[in-house]
């Protein structure tokens, strides 16, 4: 009969004279090292126009990523979007680098006519932390249908996936798994590269974006005020044209 001796084993209490149990201990230690990676995202500013800040800390895994490209892949729900024209301007000035899927976005579509958007956000090293990376991306809230009671709607943004691309295959196979990413690697090395993902522990499972909306019981009032404003503005424009406009007779000849 095999005796079991329990003793501390790194972050877990799982040592045994049994070989199989020791193997379990080693596997748990590997999982602990892999789970050392953390990711956090934060929505800055208020209202419809926000900045999505993503921060990644690789912990012990950061020792193997020198010269590699690190990115965060996140799925934006229909309630928010990225303006491709604004993104192109930011990329032109090297302020951010991201890939949108799909790359054609209707920025005028309301939330109930929009679809999800997949964003691959390339991250830059954080000068204050050797194993940390960060990136920011401007996002915008879409118009929603009027609500029954609440004056705002909640848009849930899930935690992003951490991706890395290294051309010299220095990554630990226990932590990093191949990922299907249709984007080139932007690391310093050249050659055949592929993306890998890591299982991490998010600081927060999700972020909540509050978007102000109108109330359904105000629909009639809004329609009446809009109609009156339109009639008034049209009358003022017509009166100005009649008073200050210069009209000349049009002569038609065959």
C-alpha atoms as a PDB file:
ATOM      1  CA  UNK A   1       0.000   0.000   0.000  1.00  0.00           C
ATOM      2  CA  UNK A   2       1.432   3.374  -1.054  1.00  0.00           C
ATOM      3  CA  UNK A   3       1.713   5.925   1.703  1.00  0.00           C
ATOM      4  CA  UNK A   4       0.732   9.511   0.974  1.00  0.00           C
ATOM      5  CA  UNK A   5       2.810  12.318   2.408  1.00  0.00           C
ATOM      6  CA  UNK A   6       1.370  15.805   1.945  1.00  0.00           C
ATOM      7  CA  UNK A   7       3.837  18.669   1.828  1.00  0.00           C
ATOM      8  CA  UNK A   8       3.982  22.121   0.187  1.00  0.00           C
ATOM      9  CA  UNK A   9       4.882  22.038  -3.501  1.00  0.00           C
ATOM     10  CA  UNK A  10       5.380  25.559  -4.838  1.00  0.00           C
ATOM     11  CA  UNK A  11       1.884  27.066  -5.014  1.00  0.00           C
ATOM     12  CA  UNK A  12       0.068  23.795  -4.401  1.00  0.00           C
ATOM     13  CA  UNK A  13      -0.025  21.221  -1.593  1.00  0.00           C
ATOM     14  CA  UNK A  14       0.408  18.069  -3.603  1.00  0.00           C
ATOM     15  CA  UNK A  15       3.552  16.000  -2.978  1.00  0.00           C
ATOM     16  CA  UNK A  16       3.530  12.241  -2.674  1.00  0.00           C
ATOM     17  CA  UNK A  17       5.878   9.300  -2.763  1.00  0.00           C
ATOM     18  CA  UNK A  18       3.650   7.947  -5.502  1.00  0.00           C
ATOM     19  CA  UNK A  19       5.124   8.620  -8.990  1.00  0.00           C
ATOM     20  CA  UNK A  20       1.734   9.296 -10.553  1.00  0.00           C
ATOM     21  CA  UNK A  21       0.901  11.837  -7.888  1.00  0.00           C
ATOM     22  CA  UNK A  22       4.265  13.546  -8.386  1.00  0.00           C
ATOM     23  CA  UNK A  23       3.399  13.859 -12.074  1.00  0.00           C
ATOM     24  CA  UNK A  24       0.156  15.537 -11.107  1.00  0.00           C
ATOM     25  CA  UNK A  25       2.132  17.944  -8.951  1.00  0.00           C
ATOM     26  CA  UNK A  26       4.406  18.843 -11.866  1.00  0.00           C
ATOM     27  CA  UNK A  27       1.417  19.420 -14.136  1.00  0.00           C
ATOM     28  CA  UNK A  28      -0.194  21.675 -11.568  1.00  0.00           C
ATOM     29  CA  UNK A  29       3.038  23.672 -11.278  1.00  0.00           C
ATOM     30  CA  UNK A  30       3.064  24.113 -15.061  1.00  0.00           C
ATOM     31  CA  UNK A  31      -0.547  25.278 -14.999  1.00  0.00           C
ATOM     32  CA  UNK A  32       0.310  27.711 -12.201  1.00  0.00           C
ATOM     33  CA  UNK A  33       3.111  29.205 -14.312  1.00  0.00           C
ATOM     34  CA  UNK A  34       0.821  29.483 -17.338  1.00  0.00           C
ATOM     35  CA  UNK A  35      -1.936  31.110 -15.284  1.00  0.00           C
ATOM     36  CA  UNK A  36       0.582  33.740 -14.167  1.00  0.00           C
ATOM     37  CA  UNK A  37      -0.407  35.804 -17.213  1.00  0.00           C
ATOM     38  CA  UNK A  38      -3.076  38.405 -16.470  1.00  0.00           C
ATOM     39  CA  UNK A  39      -5.042  40.763 -18.683  1.00  0.00           C
ATOM     40  CA  UNK A  40      -7.105  43.796 -17.740  1.00  0.00           C
ATOM     41  CA  UNK A  41      -9.167  46.174 -19.825  1.00  0.00           C
ATOM     42  CA  UNK A  42     -10.595  49.554 -18.909  1.00  0.00           C
ATOM     43  CA  UNK A  43     -13.016  51.929 -20.611  1.00  0.00           C
ATOM     44  CA  UNK A  44     -11.851  55.526 -20.302  1.00  0.00           C
ATOM     45  CA  UNK A  45     -13.890  58.734 -20.731  1.00  0.00           C
ATOM     46  CA  UNK A  46     -17.688  59.001 -20.625  1.00  0.00           C
ATOM     47  CA  UNK A  47     -20.605  58.955 -23.055  1.00  0.00           C
ATOM     48  CA  UNK A  48     -20.619  57.529 -26.567  1.00  0.00           C
ATOM     49  CA  UNK A  49     -16.929  58.091 -27.360  1.00  0.00           C
ATOM     50  CA  UNK A  50     -14.563  56.056 -25.200  1.00  0.00           C
ATOM     51  CA  UNK A  51     -11.032  54.659 -25.167  1.00  0.00           C
ATOM     52  CA  UNK A  52     -10.507  50.943 -24.592  1.00  0.00           C
ATOM     53  CA  UNK A  53      -7.270  50.411 -22.650  1.00  0.00           C
ATOM     54  CA  UNK A  54      -5.904  46.840 -22.581  1.00  0.00           C
ATOM     55  CA  UNK A  55      -3.040  45.850 -20.279  1.00  0.00           C
ATOM     56  CA  UNK A  56      -1.293  42.460 -20.254  1.00  0.00           C
ATOM     57  CA  UNK A  57       1.215  41.154 -17.737  1.00  0.00           C
ATOM     58  CA  UNK A  58       2.876  37.903 -18.770  1.00  0.00           C
ATOM     59  CA  UNK A  59       4.613  37.281 -15.443  1.00  0.00           C
ATOM     60  CA  UNK A  60       7.019  34.344 -15.655  1.00  0.00           C
ATOM     61  CA  UNK A  61       6.022  33.820 -19.288  1.00  0.00           C
ATOM     62  CA  UNK A  62       7.487  37.235 -20.138  1.00  0.00           C
ATOM     63  CA  UNK A  63      11.019  35.819 -19.947  1.00  0.00           C
ATOM     64  CA  UNK A  64      10.564  34.067 -23.305  1.00  0.00           C
ATOM     65  CA  UNK A  65       8.941  36.819 -25.377  1.00  0.00           C
ATOM     66  CA  UNK A  66      11.839  39.143 -26.120  1.00  0.00           C
ATOM     67  CA  UNK A  67      11.523  40.352 -29.723  1.00  0.00           C
ATOM     68  CA  UNK A  68       8.081  38.762 -30.137  1.00  0.00           C
ATOM     69  CA  UNK A  69       4.811  40.456 -31.057  1.00  0.00           C
ATOM     70  CA  UNK A  70       2.070  40.532 -28.412  1.00  0.00           C
ATOM     71  CA  UNK A  71      -1.554  41.251 -29.267  1.00  0.00           C
ATOM     72  CA  UNK A  72      -5.003  41.135 -27.692  1.00  0.00           C
ATOM     73  CA  UNK A  73      -7.908  39.694 -29.653  1.00  0.00           C
ATOM     74  CA  UNK A  74     -11.293  40.919 -28.466  1.00  0.00           C
ATOM     75  CA  UNK A  75     -14.823  40.689 -29.829  1.00  0.00           C
ATOM     76  CA  UNK A  76     -16.847  43.888 -29.710  1.00  0.00           C
ATOM     77  CA  UNK A  77     -20.619  43.384 -29.404  1.00  0.00           C
ATOM     78  CA  UNK A  78     -23.019  45.209 -31.783  1.00  0.00           C
ATOM     79  CA  UNK A  79     -23.472  48.013 -29.247  1.00  0.00           C
ATOM     80  CA  UNK A  80     -19.981  49.451 -29.856  1.00  0.00           C
ATOM     81  CA  UNK A  81     -17.727  49.810 -32.880  1.00  0.00           C
ATOM     82  CA  UNK A  82     -14.376  51.131 -34.103  1.00  0.00           C
ATOM     83  CA  UNK A  83     -14.341  53.898 -36.701  1.00  0.00           C
ATOM     84  CA  UNK A  84     -12.077  52.597 -39.514  1.00  0.00           C
ATOM     85  CA  UNK A  85     -11.311  56.136 -40.733  1.00  0.00           C
ATOM     86  CA  UNK A  86     -10.252  57.255 -37.273  1.00  0.00           C
ATOM     87  CA  UNK A  87      -8.189  54.087 -36.888  1.00  0.00           C
ATOM     88  CA  UNK A  88      -6.442  54.690 -40.220  1.00  0.00           C
ATOM     89  CA  UNK A  89      -5.519  58.220 -39.086  1.00  0.00           C
ATOM     90  CA  UNK A  90      -4.120  56.934 -35.790  1.00  0.00           C
ATOM     91  CA  UNK A  91      -2.111  54.229 -37.544  1.00  0.00           C
ATOM     92  CA  UNK A  92      -0.728  56.771 -39.967  1.00  0.00           C
ATOM     93  CA  UNK A  93       0.724  58.659 -36.987  1.00  0.00           C
ATOM     94  CA  UNK A  94       1.904  55.412 -35.304  1.00  0.00           C
ATOM     95  CA  UNK A  95      -0.418  55.961 -32.349  1.00  0.00           C
ATOM     96  CA  UNK A  96      -1.987  52.509 -32.492  1.00  0.00           C
ATOM     97  CA  UNK A  97      -2.042  49.377 -34.618  1.00  0.00           C
ATOM     98  CA  UNK A  98      -5.086  47.173 -34.974  1.00  0.00           C
ATOM     99  CA  UNK A  99      -6.819  44.912 -37.473  1.00  0.00           C
ATOM    100  CA  UNK A 100     -10.607  44.902 -37.866  1.00  0.00           C
ATOM    101  CA  UNK A 101     -12.651  41.887 -38.989  1.00  0.00           C
ATOM    102  CA  UNK A 102     -14.676  42.747 -41.013  1.00  0.00           C
ATOM    103  CA  UNK A 103     -12.754  45.774 -42.229  1.00  0.00           C
ATOM    104  CA  UNK A 104     -15.888  47.380 -43.759  1.00  0.00           C
ATOM    105  CA  UNK A 105     -18.004  48.896 -40.978  1.00  0.00           C
ATOM    106  CA  UNK A 106     -21.238  50.868 -41.201  1.00  0.00           C
ATOM    107  CA  UNK A 107     -20.607  53.583 -38.619  1.00  0.00           C
ATOM    108  CA  UNK A 108     -24.170  54.921 -38.981  1.00  0.00           C
ATOM    109  CA  UNK A 109     -25.976  51.644 -38.285  1.00  0.00           C
ATOM    110  CA  UNK A 110     -27.899  51.405 -34.993  1.00  0.00           C
ATOM    111  CA  UNK A 111     -27.191  48.624 -32.531  1.00  0.00           C
ATOM    112  CA  UNK A 112     -30.087  46.411 -33.678  1.00  0.00           C
ATOM    113  CA  UNK A 113     -28.808  46.405 -37.288  1.00  0.00           C
ATOM    114  CA  UNK A 114     -25.097  45.956 -36.505  1.00  0.00           C
ATOM    115  CA  UNK A 115     -23.013  42.804 -36.043  1.00  0.00           C
ATOM    116  CA  UNK A 116     -20.106  41.767 -33.840  1.00  0.00           C
ATOM    117  CA  UNK A 117     -16.651  43.115 -34.642  1.00  0.00           C
ATOM    118  CA  UNK A 118     -13.402  41.221 -34.088  1.00  0.00           C
ATOM    119  CA  UNK A 119     -10.374  43.371 -33.241  1.00  0.00           C
ATOM    120  CA  UNK A 120      -6.732  42.282 -33.173  1.00  0.00           C
ATOM    121  CA  UNK A 121      -4.938  44.969 -31.178  1.00  0.00           C
ATOM    122  CA  UNK A 122      -1.134  44.958 -31.307  1.00  0.00           C
ATOM    123  CA  UNK A 123       0.430  45.901 -27.989  1.00  0.00           C
ATOM    124  CA  UNK A 124       3.531  47.862 -27.063  1.00  0.00           C
ATOM    125  CA  UNK A 125       5.916  47.129 -24.144  1.00  0.00           C
ATOM    126  CA  UNK A 126       5.154  49.065 -20.996  1.00  0.00           C
ATOM    127  CA  UNK A 127       8.318  51.024 -20.001  1.00  0.00           C
ATOM    128  CA  UNK A 128       7.338  50.751 -16.319  1.00  0.00           C
ATOM    129  CA  UNK A 129       7.213  46.937 -16.352  1.00  0.00           C
ATOM    130  CA  UNK A 130       9.547  44.574 -18.224  1.00  0.00           C
ATOM    131  CA  UNK A 131       6.877  41.875 -18.614  1.00  0.00           C
ATOM    132  CA  UNK A 132       3.941  44.176 -19.300  1.00  0.00           C
ATOM    133  CA  UNK A 133       2.291  45.342 -22.524  1.00  0.00           C
ATOM    134  CA  UNK A 134      -0.456  47.855 -23.180  1.00  0.00           C
ATOM    135  CA  UNK A 135      -2.472  49.391 -26.001  1.00  0.00           C
ATOM    136  CA  UNK A 136      -5.416  51.766 -26.385  1.00  0.00           C
ATOM    137  CA  UNK A 137      -8.140  51.868 -29.008  1.00  0.00           C
ATOM    138  CA  UNK A 138     -10.943  54.434 -29.494  1.00  0.00           C
ATOM    139  CA  UNK A 139     -14.409  52.864 -29.495  1.00  0.00           C
ATOM    140  CA  UNK A 140     -17.841  54.404 -29.988  1.00  0.00           C
ATOM    141  CA  UNK A 141     -21.298  53.506 -28.773  1.00  0.00           C
ATOM    142  CA  UNK A 142     -24.097  52.903 -31.262  1.00  0.00           C
ATOM    143  CA  UNK A 143     -27.610  54.272 -31.006  1.00  0.00           C
ATOM    144  CA  UNK A 144     -30.044  51.867 -29.343  1.00  0.00           C
ATOM    145  CA  UNK A 145     -33.800  51.545 -29.351  1.00  0.00           C
ATOM    146  CA  UNK A 146     -35.636  53.607 -26.709  1.00  0.00           C
ATOM    147  CA  UNK A 147     -35.928  51.821 -23.394  1.00  0.00           C
ATOM    148  CA  UNK A 148     -39.022  51.286 -21.265  1.00  0.00           C
ATOM    149  CA  UNK A 149     -37.686  52.448 -17.884  1.00  0.00           C
ATOM    150  CA  UNK A 150     -33.907  52.831 -17.656  1.00  0.00           C
ATOM    151  CA  UNK A 151     -32.218  55.816 -19.297  1.00  0.00           C
ATOM    152  CA  UNK A 152     -29.176  53.767 -20.281  1.00  0.00           C
ATOM    153  CA  UNK A 153     -28.387  50.321 -21.665  1.00  0.00           C
ATOM    154  CA  UNK A 154     -25.544  48.031 -20.712  1.00  0.00           C
ATOM    155  CA  UNK A 155     -23.083  46.726 -23.295  1.00  0.00           C
ATOM    156  CA  UNK A 156     -20.961  43.832 -21.987  1.00  0.00           C
ATOM    157  CA  UNK A 157     -17.377  43.581 -23.236  1.00  0.00           C
ATOM    158  CA  UNK A 158     -15.732  40.199 -22.574  1.00  0.00           C
ATOM    159  CA  UNK A 159     -12.112  39.789 -21.531  1.00  0.00           C
ATOM    160  CA  UNK A 160      -9.749  39.654 -24.556  1.00  0.00           C
ATOM    161  CA  UNK A 161      -7.564  36.739 -25.617  1.00  0.00           C
ATOM    162  CA  UNK A 162      -3.782  37.138 -25.288  1.00  0.00           C
ATOM    163  CA  UNK A 163      -1.830  36.242 -28.444  1.00  0.00           C
ATOM    164  CA  UNK A 164       1.883  36.153 -29.194  1.00  0.00           C
ATOM    165  CA  UNK A 165       3.885  35.657 -32.363  1.00  0.00           C
ATOM    166  CA  UNK A 166       7.542  34.523 -32.278  1.00  0.00           C
ATOM    167  CA  UNK A 167       9.573  33.488 -35.294  1.00  0.00           C
ATOM    168  CA  UNK A 168      12.164  31.373 -33.457  1.00  0.00           C
ATOM    169  CA  UNK A 169       9.710  28.990 -31.684  1.00  0.00           C
ATOM    170  CA  UNK A 170      10.989  29.792 -28.180  1.00  0.00           C
ATOM    171  CA  UNK A 171       7.585  29.417 -26.537  1.00  0.00           C
ATOM    172  CA  UNK A 172       6.734  26.763 -23.978  1.00  0.00           C
ATOM    173  CA  UNK A 173       4.432  24.157 -25.481  1.00  0.00           C
ATOM    174  CA  UNK A 174       2.724  23.651 -22.116  1.00  0.00           C
ATOM    175  CA  UNK A 175       1.486  27.242 -21.936  1.00  0.00           C
ATOM    176  CA  UNK A 176       1.127  28.489 -25.492  1.00  0.00           C
ATOM    177  CA  UNK A 177      -1.252  26.836 -27.945  1.00  0.00           C
ATOM    178  CA  UNK A 178      -1.452  27.472 -31.714  1.00  0.00           C
ATOM    179  CA  UNK A 179      -4.133  30.011 -32.646  1.00  0.00           C
ATOM    180  CA  UNK A 180      -5.821  30.659 -35.973  1.00  0.00           C
ATOM    181  CA  UNK A 181      -5.107  34.321 -36.703  1.00  0.00           C
ATOM    182  CA  UNK A 182      -5.313  35.809 -40.183  1.00  0.00           C
ATOM    183  CA  UNK A 183      -2.793  38.562 -39.560  1.00  0.00           C
ATOM    184  CA  UNK A 184       0.942  38.930 -40.185  1.00  0.00           C
ATOM    185  CA  UNK A 185       3.359  38.900 -37.281  1.00  0.00           C
ATOM    186  CA  UNK A 186       4.714  42.372 -36.572  1.00  0.00           C
ATOM    187  CA  UNK A 187       7.689  41.258 -34.473  1.00  0.00           C
ATOM    188  CA  UNK A 188      11.281  42.280 -35.163  1.00  0.00           C
ATOM    189  CA  UNK A 189      12.274  38.856 -36.452  1.00  0.00           C
ATOM    190  CA  UNK A 190      11.556  37.722 -39.977  1.00  0.00           C
ATOM    191  CA  UNK A 191      10.696  34.325 -41.331  1.00  0.00           C
ATOM    192  CA  UNK A 192       7.797  31.880 -41.069  1.00  0.00           C
ATOM    193  CA  UNK A 193       5.835  32.771 -37.939  1.00  0.00           C
ATOM    194  CA  UNK A 194       2.550  31.805 -36.377  1.00  0.00           C
ATOM    195  CA  UNK A 195       0.386  33.069 -33.554  1.00  0.00           C
ATOM    196  CA  UNK A 196      -0.105  31.359 -30.197  1.00  0.00           C
ATOM    197  CA  UNK A 197      -2.585  31.964 -27.386  1.00  0.00           C
ATOM    198  CA  UNK A 198      -2.223  31.511 -23.642  1.00  0.00           C
ATOM    199  CA  UNK A 199      -4.757  30.724 -20.958  1.00  0.00           C
ATOM    200  CA  UNK A 200      -4.732  33.650 -18.571  1.00  0.00           C
ATOM    201  CA  UNK A 201      -6.633  34.902 -15.580  1.00  0.00           C
ATOM    202  CA  UNK A 202      -8.489  38.128 -16.358  1.00  0.00           C
ATOM    203  CA  UNK A 203      -8.489  40.810 -13.704  1.00  0.00           C
ATOM    204  CA  UNK A 204     -12.162  41.236 -14.543  1.00  0.00           C
ATOM    205  CA  UNK A 205     -14.230  38.753 -16.546  1.00  0.00           C
ATOM    206  CA  UNK A 206     -16.032  41.548 -18.376  1.00  0.00           C
ATOM    207  CA  UNK A 207     -16.355  45.323 -18.662  1.00  0.00           C
ATOM    208  CA  UNK A 208     -19.669  47.157 -18.688  1.00  0.00           C
ATOM    209  CA  UNK A 209     -20.315  50.135 -20.964  1.00  0.00           C
ATOM    210  CA  UNK A 210     -23.273  52.377 -20.063  1.00  0.00           C
ATOM    211  CA  UNK A 211     -24.846  54.035 -23.135  1.00  0.00           C
ATOM    212  CA  UNK A 212     -27.569  56.672 -22.639  1.00  0.00           C
ATOM    213  CA  UNK A 213     -30.848  56.062 -24.485  1.00  0.00           C
ATOM    214  CA  UNK A 214     -34.233  57.737 -24.693  1.00  0.00           C
ATOM    215  CA  UNK A 215     -37.412  56.564 -23.021  1.00  0.00           C
ATOM    216  CA  UNK A 216     -40.183  55.026 -25.085  1.00  0.00           C
ATOM    217  CA  UNK A 217     -42.915  57.142 -23.438  1.00  0.00           C
ATOM    218  CA  UNK A 218     -41.197  60.277 -24.755  1.00  0.00           C
ATOM    219  CA  UNK A 219     -41.509  59.195 -28.416  1.00  0.00           C
ATOM    220  CA  UNK A 220     -44.641  61.306 -29.134  1.00  0.00           C
ATOM    221  CA  UNK A 221     -43.140  64.407 -27.542  1.00  0.00           C
ATOM    222  CA  UNK A 222     -39.893  63.986 -29.466  1.00  0.00           C
ATOM    223  CA  UNK A 223     -41.774  63.599 -32.772  1.00  0.00           C
ATOM    224  CA  UNK A 224     -43.882  66.730 -32.162  1.00  0.00           C
ATOM    225  CA  UNK A 225     -40.893  68.866 -31.127  1.00  0.00           C
ATOM    226  CA  UNK A 226     -38.870  67.621 -34.107  1.00  0.00           C
ATOM    227  CA  UNK A 227     -41.708  68.445 -36.513  1.00  0.00           C
ATOM    228  CA  UNK A 228     -42.190  71.934 -35.072  1.00  0.00           C
ATOM    229  CA  UNK A 229     -38.442  72.627 -35.176  1.00  0.00           C
ATOM    230  CA  UNK A 230     -38.298  71.484 -38.797  1.00  0.00           C
ATOM    231  CA  UNK A 231     -41.232  73.700 -39.831  1.00  0.00           C
ATOM    232  CA  UNK A 232     -39.818  76.700 -37.972  1.00  0.00           C
ATOM    233  CA  UNK A 233     -36.323  76.341 -39.444  1.00  0.00           C
ATOM    234  CA  UNK A 234     -37.707  75.809 -42.952  1.00  0.00           C
ATOM    235  CA  UNK A 235     -39.875  78.941 -42.596  1.00  0.00           C
ATOM    236  CA  UNK A 236     -36.916  81.036 -41.458  1.00  0.00           C
ATOM    237  CA  UNK A 237     -34.785  79.830 -44.364  1.00  0.00           C
ATOM    238  CA  UNK A 238     -37.595  80.514 -46.858  1.00  0.00           C
ATOM    239  CA  UNK A 239     -38.210  84.006 -45.418  1.00  0.00           C
ATOM    240  CA  UNK A 240     -34.491  84.839 -45.660  1.00  0.00           C
ATOM    241  CA  UNK A 241     -34.351  83.663 -49.262  1.00  0.00           C
ATOM    242  CA  UNK A 242     -37.394  85.739 -50.216  1.00  0.00           C
ATOM    243  CA  UNK A 243     -36.053  88.856 -48.466  1.00  0.00           C
ATOM    244  CA  UNK A 244     -32.416  88.796 -49.434  1.00  0.00           C
ATOM    245  CA  UNK A 245     -32.370  86.552 -52.490  1.00  0.00           C
ATOM    246  CA  UNK A 246     -31.785  87.897 -55.977  1.00  0.00           C
ATOM    247  CA  UNK A 247     -34.064  86.378 -58.592  1.00  0.00           C
ATOM    248  CA  UNK A 248     -33.702  86.883 -62.324  1.00  0.00           C
ATOM    249  CA  UNK A 249     -36.211  85.830 -64.972  1.00  0.00           C
ATOM    250  CA  UNK A 250     -35.286  82.754 -66.917  1.00  0.00           C
ATOM    251  CA  UNK A 251     -35.645  83.094 -70.664  1.00  0.00           C
ATOM    252  CA  UNK A 252     -36.377  79.945 -72.587  1.00  0.00           C
ATOM    253  CA  UNK A 253     -35.719  79.866 -76.293  1.00  0.00           C
ATOM    254  CA  UNK A 254     -36.239  77.113 -78.737  1.00  0.00           C
END
